[in-house]
Amino acid sequence: MLSRTADHLFWMARYIERAENTARMLDVNVQTALLPQSAHAAEQGWRAMLGISELLPAFDRKYGLLAARDVLDFMVRDPDNPSSIAACLRQARENARAVRGTLTTEVWEVHNATYLELGNKLRSGLLQSDPSQFFEWVKYRSHLSRGVTIGTMLKDEAFYFIRLGTFLERADNTARILDVKFHGADGVASIEDQLEDNGHMDFYYWAAILRSVSAFEIYRKVYRDVITPERVAELLILRRDMPRSLHACMEEFLLNLQQVRNDTSAETERMAGRLHAELKFGSVEEILAGGLHGFLNGFLERIYDLGNRVSRDFLVPLAA
């Protein structure tokens, strides 16, 4: 397969997954902002989300003072923010259009219709009147894209590059969603304080985190007990049977990487395999003992490196 074609497929999948995960992260903050809390605590929650997304400097340059409506506008529709939902859906559609002949008609039509419907959704005022419903629509369109891809595309290199992009992006975003809880305004987490906080506010926050990754019912089925930070971390990091966990994402990433391996990808495969093995044989006690924020930060760095290596081995090299 031509590297440019693989590049478009890989990034098409990453952008649609990124739009979904941005919607999930925003929905957590919208839901938790409804809980009784001080104005300072609410602002810190929004700042933590922007910080873990590496968008706080860009937001501050544009808006200065923080307001929830400005964060939503910046993260959903702002054309100057390349990670906004609108920008991601536009880029997903443009990448799909560039390789339209490689995709099935159904896959192309989903991406095209999603982008066109987005304009109608934003003009209707749905984001302001019912942001959670808007985020559900974004998640639904992402689900539809993946389902149509799995249901209609030949299992060849094109399919595997799409899946590589999906699971690399999902791993990155699951780690970020989990890390928001431990990412303070100064970037330093106090995990001991978080683990000792067993109040009602903490319960509702962790429930929102689980719902944001479609894991609330899964948690109840697996643990059948109260929600605790340790178990949430275990579920979202180490459980292979949890579809959005770091372990599950890295297992799928490695399997798809093996399907497209070439003469230059052995080191990339080795590094992916090593990270997968650490998740497969790790324990939540070890992770928490070393610091959850530090673990997630290290994981994000390794995911970033894997993305660069995939680009170098298979795709159009990233600009220096």
C-alpha atoms as a PDB file:
ATOM      1  CA  MET A   1       0.000   0.000   0.000  1.00  0.00           C
ATOM      2  CA  LEU A   2       1.216   3.521  -0.788  1.00  0.00           C
ATOM      3  CA  SER A   3       2.366   5.340   2.339  1.00  0.00           C
ATOM      4  CA  ARG A   4       0.168   8.344   1.554  1.00  0.00           C
ATOM      5  CA  THR A   5      -2.940   6.169   1.330  1.00  0.00           C
ATOM      6  CA  ALA A   6      -2.064   4.452   4.608  1.00  0.00           C
ATOM      7  CA  ASP A   7      -1.482   7.894   6.151  1.00  0.00           C
ATOM      8  CA  HIS A   8      -4.954   9.133   5.183  1.00  0.00           C
ATOM      9  CA  LEU A   9      -6.620   5.976   6.527  1.00  0.00           C
ATOM     10  CA  PHE A  10      -4.654   6.077   9.793  1.00  0.00           C
ATOM     11  CA  TRP A  11      -5.482   9.736  10.443  1.00  0.00           C
ATOM     12  CA  MET A  12      -9.094   9.410   9.342  1.00  0.00           C
ATOM     13  CA  ALA A  13      -9.553   6.877  12.123  1.00  0.00           C
ATOM     14  CA  ARG A  14      -7.596   8.921  14.657  1.00  0.00           C
ATOM     15  CA  TYR A  15      -9.619  12.065  14.027  1.00  0.00           C
ATOM     16  CA  ILE A  16     -13.019  10.383  14.337  1.00  0.00           C
ATOM     17  CA  GLU A  17     -11.872   8.663  17.549  1.00  0.00           C
ATOM     18  CA  ARG A  18     -10.467  11.946  18.878  1.00  0.00           C
ATOM     19  CA  ALA A  19     -13.766  13.731  18.261  1.00  0.00           C
ATOM     20  CA  GLU A  20     -15.586  11.026  20.208  1.00  0.00           C
ATOM     21  CA  ASN A  21     -13.172  11.114  23.113  1.00  0.00           C
ATOM     22  CA  THR A  22     -13.227  14.902  23.290  1.00  0.00           C
ATOM     23  CA  ALA A  23     -17.011  14.637  23.543  1.00  0.00           C
ATOM     24  CA  ARG A  24     -16.635  12.075  26.331  1.00  0.00           C
ATOM     25  CA  MET A  25     -14.209  14.269  28.276  1.00  0.00           C
ATOM     26  CA  LEU A  26     -16.368  17.374  27.900  1.00  0.00           C
ATOM     27  CA  ASP A  27     -19.458  15.463  29.026  1.00  0.00           C
ATOM     28  CA  VAL A  28     -17.675  14.459  32.256  1.00  0.00           C
ATOM     29  CA  ASN A  29     -16.999  18.116  33.025  1.00  0.00           C
ATOM     30  CA  VAL A  30     -20.505  19.221  32.119  1.00  0.00           C
ATOM     31  CA  GLN A  31     -22.006  16.575  34.414  1.00  0.00           C
ATOM     32  CA  THR A  32     -19.646  17.223  37.333  1.00  0.00           C
ATOM     33  CA  ALA A  33     -20.102  21.001  36.986  1.00  0.00           C
ATOM     34  CA  LEU A  34     -23.746  20.428  38.000  1.00  0.00           C
ATOM     35  CA  LEU A  35     -22.635  19.078  41.394  1.00  0.00           C
ATOM     36  CA  PRO A  36     -22.500  21.436  44.394  1.00  0.00           C
ATOM     37  CA  GLN A  37     -19.013  22.980  44.427  1.00  0.00           C
ATOM     38  CA  SER A  38     -17.252  26.294  44.707  1.00  0.00           C
ATOM     39  CA  ALA A  39     -16.614  28.464  41.665  1.00  0.00           C
ATOM     40  CA  HIS A  40     -12.875  27.877  42.152  1.00  0.00           C
ATOM     41  CA  ALA A  41     -13.307  24.097  42.159  1.00  0.00           C
ATOM     42  CA  ALA A  42     -15.407  24.261  38.991  1.00  0.00           C
ATOM     43  CA  GLU A  43     -12.794  26.410  37.257  1.00  0.00           C
ATOM     44  CA  GLN A  44     -10.017  24.027  38.312  1.00  0.00           C
ATOM     45  CA  GLY A  45     -11.948  21.154  36.780  1.00  0.00           C
ATOM     46  CA  TRP A  46     -12.143  22.910  33.414  1.00  0.00           C
ATOM     47  CA  ARG A  47      -8.493  23.950  33.633  1.00  0.00           C
ATOM     48  CA  ALA A  48      -7.429  20.392  34.431  1.00  0.00           C
ATOM     49  CA  MET A  49      -9.259  19.154  31.337  1.00  0.00           C
ATOM     50  CA  LEU A  50      -7.614  21.791  29.134  1.00  0.00           C
ATOM     51  CA  GLY A  51      -4.251  21.054  30.733  1.00  0.00           C
ATOM     52  CA  ILE A  52      -4.356  17.310  30.197  1.00  0.00           C
ATOM     53  CA  SER A  53      -5.381  17.983  26.574  1.00  0.00           C
ATOM     54  CA  GLU A  54      -2.361  20.319  26.234  1.00  0.00           C
ATOM     55  CA  LEU A  55      -4.662  23.151  25.188  1.00  0.00           C
ATOM     56  CA  LEU A  56      -4.537  25.465  28.218  1.00  0.00           C
ATOM     57  CA  PRO A  57      -1.944  27.910  26.778  1.00  0.00           C
ATOM     58  CA  ALA A  58      -3.905  28.232  23.519  1.00  0.00           C
ATOM     59  CA  PHE A  59      -7.151  28.807  25.424  1.00  0.00           C
ATOM     60  CA  ASP A  60      -5.602  31.426  27.726  1.00  0.00           C
ATOM     61  CA  ARG A  61      -4.141  33.311  24.766  1.00  0.00           C
ATOM     62  CA  LYS A  62      -7.539  33.552  23.147  1.00  0.00           C
ATOM     63  CA  TYR A  63      -9.894  34.037  26.103  1.00  0.00           C
ATOM     64  CA  GLY A  64      -7.905  35.056  29.173  1.00  0.00           C
ATOM     65  CA  LEU A  65     -10.538  34.509  31.847  1.00  0.00           C
ATOM     66  CA  LEU A  66     -12.069  31.039  31.992  1.00  0.00           C
ATOM     67  CA  ALA A  67     -15.798  30.479  31.538  1.00  0.00           C
ATOM     68  CA  ALA A  68     -17.453  27.120  30.908  1.00  0.00           C
ATOM     69  CA  ARG A  69     -19.271  28.378  27.792  1.00  0.00           C
ATOM     70  CA  ASP A  70     -15.955  29.544  26.306  1.00  0.00           C
ATOM     71  CA  VAL A  71     -14.322  26.173  27.002  1.00  0.00           C
ATOM     72  CA  LEU A  72     -17.202  24.398  25.259  1.00  0.00           C
ATOM     73  CA  ASP A  73     -16.986  26.735  22.285  1.00  0.00           C
ATOM     74  CA  PHE A  74     -13.210  26.316  22.101  1.00  0.00           C
ATOM     75  CA  MET A  75     -13.336  22.521  22.351  1.00  0.00           C
ATOM     76  CA  VAL A  76     -16.340  21.988  20.081  1.00  0.00           C
ATOM     77  CA  ARG A  77     -16.429  24.505  17.248  1.00  0.00           C
ATOM     78  CA  ASP A  78     -13.325  26.736  17.325  1.00  0.00           C
ATOM     79  CA  PRO A  79     -11.590  26.565  13.897  1.00  0.00           C
ATOM     80  CA  ASP A  80      -8.332  27.772  15.481  1.00  0.00           C
ATOM     81  CA  ASN A  81      -8.226  24.705  17.745  1.00  0.00           C
ATOM     82  CA  PRO A  82      -7.072  21.728  15.630  1.00  0.00           C
ATOM     83  CA  SER A  83      -8.338  19.364  18.338  1.00  0.00           C
ATOM     84  CA  SER A  84     -11.876  20.753  18.481  1.00  0.00           C
ATOM     85  CA  ILE A  85     -14.679  18.356  17.604  1.00  0.00           C
ATOM     86  CA  ALA A  86     -15.542  20.347  14.478  1.00  0.00           C
ATOM     87  CA  ALA A  87     -11.905  20.375  13.325  1.00  0.00           C
ATOM     88  CA  CYS A  88     -11.538  16.635  13.961  1.00  0.00           C
ATOM     89  CA  LEU A  89     -14.696  15.721  12.054  1.00  0.00           C
ATOM     90  CA  ARG A  90     -13.652  17.971   9.194  1.00  0.00           C
ATOM     91  CA  GLN A  91     -10.192  16.370   9.043  1.00  0.00           C
ATOM     92  CA  ALA A  92     -11.687  12.869   9.249  1.00  0.00           C
ATOM     93  CA  ARG A  93     -13.895  13.683   6.268  1.00  0.00           C
ATOM     94  CA  GLU A  94     -11.044  15.241   4.270  1.00  0.00           C
ATOM     95  CA  ASN A  95      -8.826  12.218   4.851  1.00  0.00           C
ATOM     96  CA  ALA A  96     -11.694   9.924   3.854  1.00  0.00           C
ATOM     97  CA  ARG A  97     -12.294  11.923   0.679  1.00  0.00           C
ATOM     98  CA  ALA A  98      -8.602  11.662  -0.246  1.00  0.00           C
ATOM     99  CA  VAL A  99      -8.849   7.835  -0.256  1.00  0.00           C
ATOM    100  CA  ARG A 100     -12.481   7.500  -1.268  1.00  0.00           C
ATOM    101  CA  GLY A 101     -11.619   4.748  -3.750  1.00  0.00           C
ATOM    102  CA  THR A 102     -10.082   2.639  -0.974  1.00  0.00           C
ATOM    103  CA  LEU A 103     -13.151   2.880   1.275  1.00  0.00           C
ATOM    104  CA  THR A 104     -16.518   1.262   0.770  1.00  0.00           C
ATOM    105  CA  THR A 105     -19.345   3.583  -0.238  1.00  0.00           C
ATOM    106  CA  GLU A 106     -20.921   3.139   3.201  1.00  0.00           C
ATOM    107  CA  VAL A 107     -17.802   4.261   5.072  1.00  0.00           C
ATOM    108  CA  TRP A 108     -17.400   7.370   2.918  1.00  0.00           C
ATOM    109  CA  GLU A 109     -21.078   8.300   3.244  1.00  0.00           C
ATOM    110  CA  VAL A 110     -20.936   8.057   7.050  1.00  0.00           C
ATOM    111  CA  HIS A 111     -17.984  10.462   7.256  1.00  0.00           C
ATOM    112  CA  ASN A 112     -19.491  12.855   4.727  1.00  0.00           C
ATOM    113  CA  ALA A 113     -22.922  12.863   6.379  1.00  0.00           C
ATOM    114  CA  THR A 114     -21.401  13.329   9.838  1.00  0.00           C
ATOM    115  CA  TYR A 115     -19.576  16.472   8.758  1.00  0.00           C
ATOM    116  CA  LEU A 116     -22.625  17.892   7.000  1.00  0.00           C
ATOM    117  CA  GLU A 117     -24.923  17.149   9.946  1.00  0.00           C
ATOM    118  CA  LEU A 118     -22.458  18.778  12.339  1.00  0.00           C
ATOM    119  CA  GLY A 119     -23.180  22.201  10.860  1.00  0.00           C
ATOM    120  CA  ASN A 120     -26.901  21.719  11.384  1.00  0.00           C
ATOM    121  CA  LYS A 121     -26.353  20.600  14.985  1.00  0.00           C
ATOM    122  CA  LEU A 122     -24.227  23.635  15.794  1.00  0.00           C
ATOM    123  CA  ARG A 123     -26.617  26.087  14.114  1.00  0.00           C
ATOM    124  CA  SER A 124     -29.584  24.587  15.967  1.00  0.00           C
ATOM    125  CA  GLY A 125     -28.186  25.684  19.342  1.00  0.00           C
ATOM    126  CA  LEU A 126     -28.170  22.122  20.697  1.00  0.00           C
ATOM    127  CA  LEU A 127     -24.734  22.597  22.248  1.00  0.00           C
ATOM    128  CA  GLN A 128     -26.046  25.463  24.389  1.00  0.00           C
ATOM    129  CA  SER A 129     -29.454  23.977  25.222  1.00  0.00           C
ATOM    130  CA  ASP A 130     -28.443  20.357  25.854  1.00  0.00           C
ATOM    131  CA  PRO A 131     -24.677  19.755  25.579  1.00  0.00           C
ATOM    132  CA  SER A 132     -24.960  16.138  26.739  1.00  0.00           C
ATOM    133  CA  GLN A 133     -27.313  15.343  23.861  1.00  0.00           C
ATOM    134  CA  PHE A 134     -24.870  16.922  21.424  1.00  0.00           C
ATOM    135  CA  PHE A 135     -22.022  14.809  22.836  1.00  0.00           C
ATOM    136  CA  GLU A 136     -24.167  11.692  22.518  1.00  0.00           C
ATOM    137  CA  TRP A 137     -24.660  12.510  18.852  1.00  0.00           C
ATOM    138  CA  VAL A 138     -20.872  12.790  18.353  1.00  0.00           C
ATOM    139  CA  LYS A 139     -20.345   9.424  20.059  1.00  0.00           C
ATOM    140  CA  TYR A 140     -23.100   7.820  17.991  1.00  0.00           C
ATOM    141  CA  ARG A 141     -21.528   9.004  14.714  1.00  0.00           C
ATOM    142  CA  SER A 142     -18.168   7.603  15.810  1.00  0.00           C
ATOM    143  CA  HIS A 143     -19.779   4.272  16.704  1.00  0.00           C
ATOM    144  CA  LEU A 144     -21.473   4.264  13.307  1.00  0.00           C
ATOM    145  CA  SER A 145     -18.176   4.875  11.525  1.00  0.00           C
ATOM    146  CA  ARG A 146     -16.454   1.973  13.291  1.00  0.00           C
ATOM    147  CA  GLY A 147     -19.414  -0.365  12.818  1.00  0.00           C
ATOM    148  CA  VAL A 148     -19.680   0.330   9.102  1.00  0.00           C
ATOM    149  CA  THR A 149     -15.906  -0.099   8.728  1.00  0.00           C
ATOM    150  CA  ILE A 150     -15.954  -3.496  10.440  1.00  0.00           C
ATOM    151  CA  GLY A 151     -19.125  -4.586   8.649  1.00  0.00           C
ATOM    152  CA  THR A 152     -18.291  -3.564   5.079  1.00  0.00           C
ATOM    153  CA  MET A 153     -14.526  -3.380   4.516  1.00  0.00           C
ATOM    154  CA  LEU A 154     -12.238  -6.146   3.337  1.00  0.00           C
ATOM    155  CA  LYS A 155      -9.799  -7.239   6.051  1.00  0.00           C
ATOM    156  CA  ASP A 156      -6.726  -6.033   4.180  1.00  0.00           C
ATOM    157  CA  GLU A 157      -4.001  -3.454   4.845  1.00  0.00           C
ATOM    158  CA  ALA A 158      -6.454  -0.566   4.522  1.00  0.00           C
ATOM    159  CA  PHE A 159      -8.594  -2.043   7.292  1.00  0.00           C
ATOM    160  CA  TYR A 160      -5.574  -2.674   9.534  1.00  0.00           C
ATOM    161  CA  PHE A 161      -4.282   0.896   9.221  1.00  0.00           C
ATOM    162  CA  ILE A 162      -7.719   2.212  10.150  1.00  0.00           C
ATOM    163  CA  ARG A 163      -7.727  -0.011  13.227  1.00  0.00           C
ATOM    164  CA  LEU A 164      -4.180   1.041  14.146  1.00  0.00           C
ATOM    165  CA  GLY A 165      -5.286   4.670  14.191  1.00  0.00           C
ATOM    166  CA  THR A 166      -8.412   3.879  16.188  1.00  0.00           C
ATOM    167  CA  PHE A 167      -6.698   2.034  19.027  1.00  0.00           C
ATOM    168  CA  LEU A 168      -3.666   4.299  19.269  1.00  0.00           C
ATOM    169  CA  GLU A 169      -5.942   7.313  19.644  1.00  0.00           C
ATOM    170  CA  ARG A 170      -8.264   5.506  22.054  1.00  0.00           C
ATOM    171  CA  ALA A 171      -5.386   4.492  24.307  1.00  0.00           C
ATOM    172  CA  ASP A 172      -4.148   8.075  24.392  1.00  0.00           C
ATOM    173  CA  ASN A 173      -7.562   9.495  25.205  1.00  0.00           C
ATOM    174  CA  THR A 174      -8.526   6.913  27.831  1.00  0.00           C
ATOM    175  CA  ALA A 175      -5.309   7.758  29.675  1.00  0.00           C
ATOM    176  CA  ARG A 176      -6.122  11.480  29.456  1.00  0.00           C
ATOM    177  CA  ILE A 177      -9.700  11.052  30.675  1.00  0.00           C
ATOM    178  CA  LEU A 178      -8.473   9.061  33.683  1.00  0.00           C
ATOM    179  CA  ASP A 179      -5.630  11.472  34.389  1.00  0.00           C
ATOM    180  CA  VAL A 180      -7.895  14.544  34.558  1.00  0.00           C
ATOM    181  CA  LYS A 181      -8.857  13.445  38.072  1.00  0.00           C
ATOM    182  CA  PHE A 182      -5.222  13.506  39.201  1.00  0.00           C
ATOM    183  CA  HIS A 183      -3.978  16.450  37.153  1.00  0.00           C
ATOM    184  CA  GLY A 184      -3.831  19.501  39.401  1.00  0.00           C
ATOM    185  CA  ALA A 185      -3.545  23.074  38.259  1.00  0.00           C
ATOM    186  CA  ASP A 186       0.227  22.894  38.693  1.00  0.00           C
ATOM    187  CA  GLY A 187       0.443  19.553  36.908  1.00  0.00           C
ATOM    188  CA  VAL A 188       1.249  17.636  40.103  1.00  0.00           C
ATOM    189  CA  ALA A 189      -1.188  15.068  41.378  1.00  0.00           C
ATOM    190  CA  SER A 190      -1.848  14.157  44.986  1.00  0.00           C
ATOM    191  CA  ILE A 191      -3.032  10.597  44.569  1.00  0.00           C
ATOM    192  CA  GLU A 192      -3.007   9.915  48.294  1.00  0.00           C
ATOM    193  CA  ASP A 193      -5.568  12.658  48.821  1.00  0.00           C
ATOM    194  CA  GLN A 194      -7.691  11.319  45.987  1.00  0.00           C
ATOM    195  CA  LEU A 195      -7.658   7.756  47.266  1.00  0.00           C
ATOM    196  CA  GLU A 196      -8.574   8.833  50.780  1.00  0.00           C
ATOM    197  CA  ASP A 197     -11.515  10.928  49.599  1.00  0.00           C
ATOM    198  CA  ASN A 198     -14.568   8.712  49.934  1.00  0.00           C
ATOM    199  CA  GLY A 199     -17.210  11.431  50.038  1.00  0.00           C
ATOM    200  CA  HIS A 200     -20.340  11.696  47.950  1.00  0.00           C
ATOM    201  CA  MET A 201     -18.710  14.143  45.556  1.00  0.00           C
ATOM    202  CA  ASP A 202     -15.953  11.651  44.828  1.00  0.00           C
ATOM    203  CA  PHE A 203     -18.490   8.884  44.184  1.00  0.00           C
ATOM    204  CA  TYR A 204     -20.375  11.002  41.645  1.00  0.00           C
ATOM    205  CA  TYR A 205     -17.159  12.055  39.966  1.00  0.00           C
ATOM    206  CA  TRP A 206     -15.928   8.476  39.525  1.00  0.00           C
ATOM    207  CA  ALA A 207     -19.381   7.448  38.300  1.00  0.00           C
ATOM    208  CA  ALA A 208     -19.153  10.212  35.676  1.00  0.00           C
ATOM    209  CA  ILE A 209     -15.683   8.993  34.665  1.00  0.00           C
ATOM    210  CA  LEU A 210     -17.022   5.451  34.201  1.00  0.00           C
ATOM    211  CA  ARG A 211     -20.002   6.649  32.188  1.00  0.00           C
ATOM    212  CA  SER A 212     -17.697   8.757  30.008  1.00  0.00           C
ATOM    213  CA  VAL A 213     -15.983   5.587  28.769  1.00  0.00           C
ATOM    214  CA  SER A 214     -19.176   3.470  28.695  1.00  0.00           C
ATOM    215  CA  ALA A 215     -17.958   1.486  31.688  1.00  0.00           C
ATOM    216  CA  PHE A 216     -20.495   2.116  34.457  1.00  0.00           C
ATOM    217  CA  GLU A 217     -22.504  -1.054  33.798  1.00  0.00           C
ATOM    218  CA  ILE A 218     -19.297  -3.010  33.208  1.00  0.00           C
ATOM    219  CA  TYR A 219     -17.955  -1.860  36.586  1.00  0.00           C
ATOM    220  CA  ARG A 220     -21.121  -3.046  38.341  1.00  0.00           C
ATOM    221  CA  LYS A 221     -20.954  -6.396  36.581  1.00  0.00           C
ATOM    222  CA  VAL A 222     -17.255  -6.956  37.361  1.00  0.00           C
ATOM    223  CA  TYR A 223     -16.986  -5.635  40.933  1.00  0.00           C
ATOM    224  CA  ARG A 224     -20.583  -5.625  42.276  1.00  0.00           C
ATOM    225  CA  ASP A 225     -19.555  -3.148  44.972  1.00  0.00           C
ATOM    226  CA  VAL A 226     -19.082   0.544  45.705  1.00  0.00           C
ATOM    227  CA  ILE A 227     -17.044   2.585  43.258  1.00  0.00           C
ATOM    228  CA  THR A 228     -13.473   3.090  44.427  1.00  0.00           C
ATOM    229  CA  PRO A 229     -10.591   4.890  42.645  1.00  0.00           C
ATOM    230  CA  GLU A 230      -8.393   1.779  42.815  1.00  0.00           C
ATOM    231  CA  ARG A 231     -10.936  -0.364  41.000  1.00  0.00           C
ATOM    232  CA  VAL A 232     -11.690   2.333  38.433  1.00  0.00           C
ATOM    233  CA  ALA A 233      -7.967   2.513  37.704  1.00  0.00           C
ATOM    234  CA  GLU A 234      -7.726  -1.268  37.442  1.00  0.00           C
ATOM    235  CA  LEU A 235     -10.729  -1.455  35.100  1.00  0.00           C
ATOM    236  CA  LEU A 236      -9.562   1.327  32.770  1.00  0.00           C
ATOM    237  CA  ILE A 237      -5.896   0.338  32.742  1.00  0.00           C
ATOM    238  CA  LEU A 238      -5.474  -3.406  33.201  1.00  0.00           C
ATOM    239  CA  ARG A 239      -8.712  -5.213  32.350  1.00  0.00           C
ATOM    240  CA  ARG A 240      -8.311  -6.916  28.959  1.00  0.00           C
ATOM    241  CA  ASP A 241     -12.080  -7.463  28.684  1.00  0.00           C
ATOM    242  CA  MET A 242     -12.886  -3.757  29.103  1.00  0.00           C
ATOM    243  CA  PRO A 243     -13.091  -2.442  25.495  1.00  0.00           C
ATOM    244  CA  ARG A 244     -11.620   1.005  26.196  1.00  0.00           C
ATOM    245  CA  SER A 245      -8.957  -0.020  28.723  1.00  0.00           C
ATOM    246  CA  LEU A 246      -5.291   0.681  28.038  1.00  0.00           C
ATOM    247  CA  HIS A 247      -4.606  -3.073  28.005  1.00  0.00           C
ATOM    248  CA  ALA A 248      -7.343  -3.781  25.454  1.00  0.00           C
ATOM    249  CA  CYS A 249      -6.240  -0.879  23.243  1.00  0.00           C
ATOM    250  CA  MET A 250      -2.601  -1.947  23.236  1.00  0.00           C
ATOM    251  CA  GLU A 251      -3.528  -5.568  22.509  1.00  0.00           C
ATOM    252  CA  GLU A 252      -5.535  -4.511  19.463  1.00  0.00           C
ATOM    253  CA  PHE A 253      -2.842  -2.070  18.374  1.00  0.00           C
ATOM    254  CA  LEU A 254      -0.187  -4.772  18.535  1.00  0.00           C
ATOM    255  CA  LEU A 255      -2.316  -7.326  16.667  1.00  0.00           C
ATOM    256  CA  ASN A 256      -3.001  -4.877  13.831  1.00  0.00           C
ATOM    257  CA  LEU A 257       0.632  -3.747  13.753  1.00  0.00           C
ATOM    258  CA  GLN A 258       1.689  -7.347  13.226  1.00  0.00           C
ATOM    259  CA  GLN A 259      -0.622  -7.558  10.215  1.00  0.00           C
ATOM    260  CA  VAL A 260       1.197  -4.742   8.393  1.00  0.00           C
ATOM    261  CA  ARG A 261       4.772  -5.306   9.600  1.00  0.00           C
ATOM    262  CA  ASN A 262       7.568  -4.493   7.160  1.00  0.00           C
ATOM    263  CA  ASP A 263      11.370  -4.539   7.061  1.00  0.00           C
ATOM    264  CA  THR A 264      11.692  -1.383   9.190  1.00  0.00           C
ATOM    265  CA  SER A 265       8.978  -1.910  11.814  1.00  0.00           C
ATOM    266  CA  ALA A 266      10.612  -4.520  14.083  1.00  0.00           C
ATOM    267  CA  GLU A 267      11.645  -1.980  16.724  1.00  0.00           C
ATOM    268  CA  THR A 268       8.202  -0.364  16.737  1.00  0.00           C
ATOM    269  CA  GLU A 269       6.618  -3.791  17.198  1.00  0.00           C
ATOM    270  CA  ARG A 270       9.053  -4.601  20.006  1.00  0.00           C
ATOM    271  CA  MET A 271       8.221  -1.380  21.878  1.00  0.00           C
ATOM    272  CA  ALA A 272       4.485  -1.909  21.417  1.00  0.00           C
ATOM    273  CA  GLY A 273       4.866  -5.489  22.626  1.00  0.00           C
ATOM    274  CA  ARG A 274       6.795  -4.388  25.689  1.00  0.00           C
ATOM    275  CA  LEU A 275       4.143  -1.843  26.654  1.00  0.00           C
ATOM    276  CA  HIS A 276       1.427  -4.437  26.094  1.00  0.00           C
ATOM    277  CA  ALA A 277       3.279  -6.950  28.288  1.00  0.00           C
ATOM    278  CA  GLU A 278       3.596  -4.419  31.127  1.00  0.00           C
ATOM    279  CA  LEU A 279      -0.165  -3.906  31.051  1.00  0.00           C
ATOM    280  CA  LYS A 280      -0.885  -7.619  30.695  1.00  0.00           C
ATOM    281  CA  PHE A 281       1.231  -8.655  33.676  1.00  0.00           C
ATOM    282  CA  GLY A 282       1.063  -5.487  35.793  1.00  0.00           C
ATOM    283  CA  SER A 283      -0.972  -4.943  38.942  1.00  0.00           C
ATOM    284  CA  VAL A 284      -2.925  -1.923  40.087  1.00  0.00           C
ATOM    285  CA  GLU A 285      -1.091  -2.031  43.442  1.00  0.00           C
ATOM    286  CA  GLU A 286       2.247  -1.523  41.693  1.00  0.00           C
ATOM    287  CA  ILE A 287       0.872   1.295  39.569  1.00  0.00           C
ATOM    288  CA  LEU A 288      -0.638   3.139  42.529  1.00  0.00           C
ATOM    289  CA  ALA A 289       2.500   2.642  44.616  1.00  0.00           C
ATOM    290  CA  GLY A 290       4.530   4.383  41.939  1.00  0.00           C
ATOM    291  CA  GLY A 291       1.947   7.120  41.381  1.00  0.00           C
ATOM    292  CA  LEU A 292      -0.961   6.960  38.966  1.00  0.00           C
ATOM    293  CA  HIS A 293      -0.339  10.377  37.444  1.00  0.00           C
ATOM    294  CA  GLY A 294       3.297   9.497  36.769  1.00  0.00           C
ATOM    295  CA  PHE A 295       2.297   6.163  35.231  1.00  0.00           C
ATOM    296  CA  LEU A 296      -0.281   7.773  32.938  1.00  0.00           C
ATOM    297  CA  ASN A 297       2.111  10.544  31.963  1.00  0.00           C
ATOM    298  CA  GLY A 298       4.741   7.954  31.041  1.00  0.00           C
ATOM    299  CA  PHE A 299       2.150   5.961  29.112  1.00  0.00           C
ATOM    300  CA  LEU A 300       1.158   9.033  27.088  1.00  0.00           C
ATOM    301  CA  GLU A 301       4.793   9.700  26.217  1.00  0.00           C
ATOM    302  CA  ARG A 302       5.200   6.132  24.974  1.00  0.00           C
ATOM    303  CA  ILE A 303       1.988   6.328  22.938  1.00  0.00           C
ATOM    304  CA  TYR A 304       3.248   9.547  21.365  1.00  0.00           C
ATOM    305  CA  ASP A 305       6.515   7.823  20.493  1.00  0.00           C
ATOM    306  CA  LEU A 306       4.661   4.845  18.991  1.00  0.00           C
ATOM    307  CA  GLY A 307       2.616   7.210  16.839  1.00  0.00           C
ATOM    308  CA  ASN A 308       5.797   8.829  15.536  1.00  0.00           C
ATOM    309  CA  ARG A 309       7.319   5.417  14.852  1.00  0.00           C
ATOM    310  CA  VAL A 310       4.267   4.253  12.921  1.00  0.00           C
ATOM    311  CA  SER A 311       4.523   7.428  10.826  1.00  0.00           C
ATOM    312  CA  ARG A 312       8.222   6.806  10.196  1.00  0.00           C
ATOM    313  CA  ASP A 313       7.817   3.099   9.362  1.00  0.00           C
ATOM    314  CA  PHE A 314       4.662   3.183   7.251  1.00  0.00           C
ATOM    315  CA  LEU A 315       3.201   6.604   6.632  1.00  0.00           C
ATOM    316  CA  VAL A 316       4.109  10.061   5.385  1.00  0.00           C
ATOM    317  CA  PRO A 317       6.798  11.222   7.875  1.00  0.00           C
ATOM    318  CA  LEU A 318       5.687  13.930  10.301  1.00  0.00           C
ATOM    319  CA  ALA A 319       7.201  17.355   9.758  1.00  0.00           C
ATOM    320  CA  ALA A 320      10.174  18.021  12.042  1.00  0.00           C
END
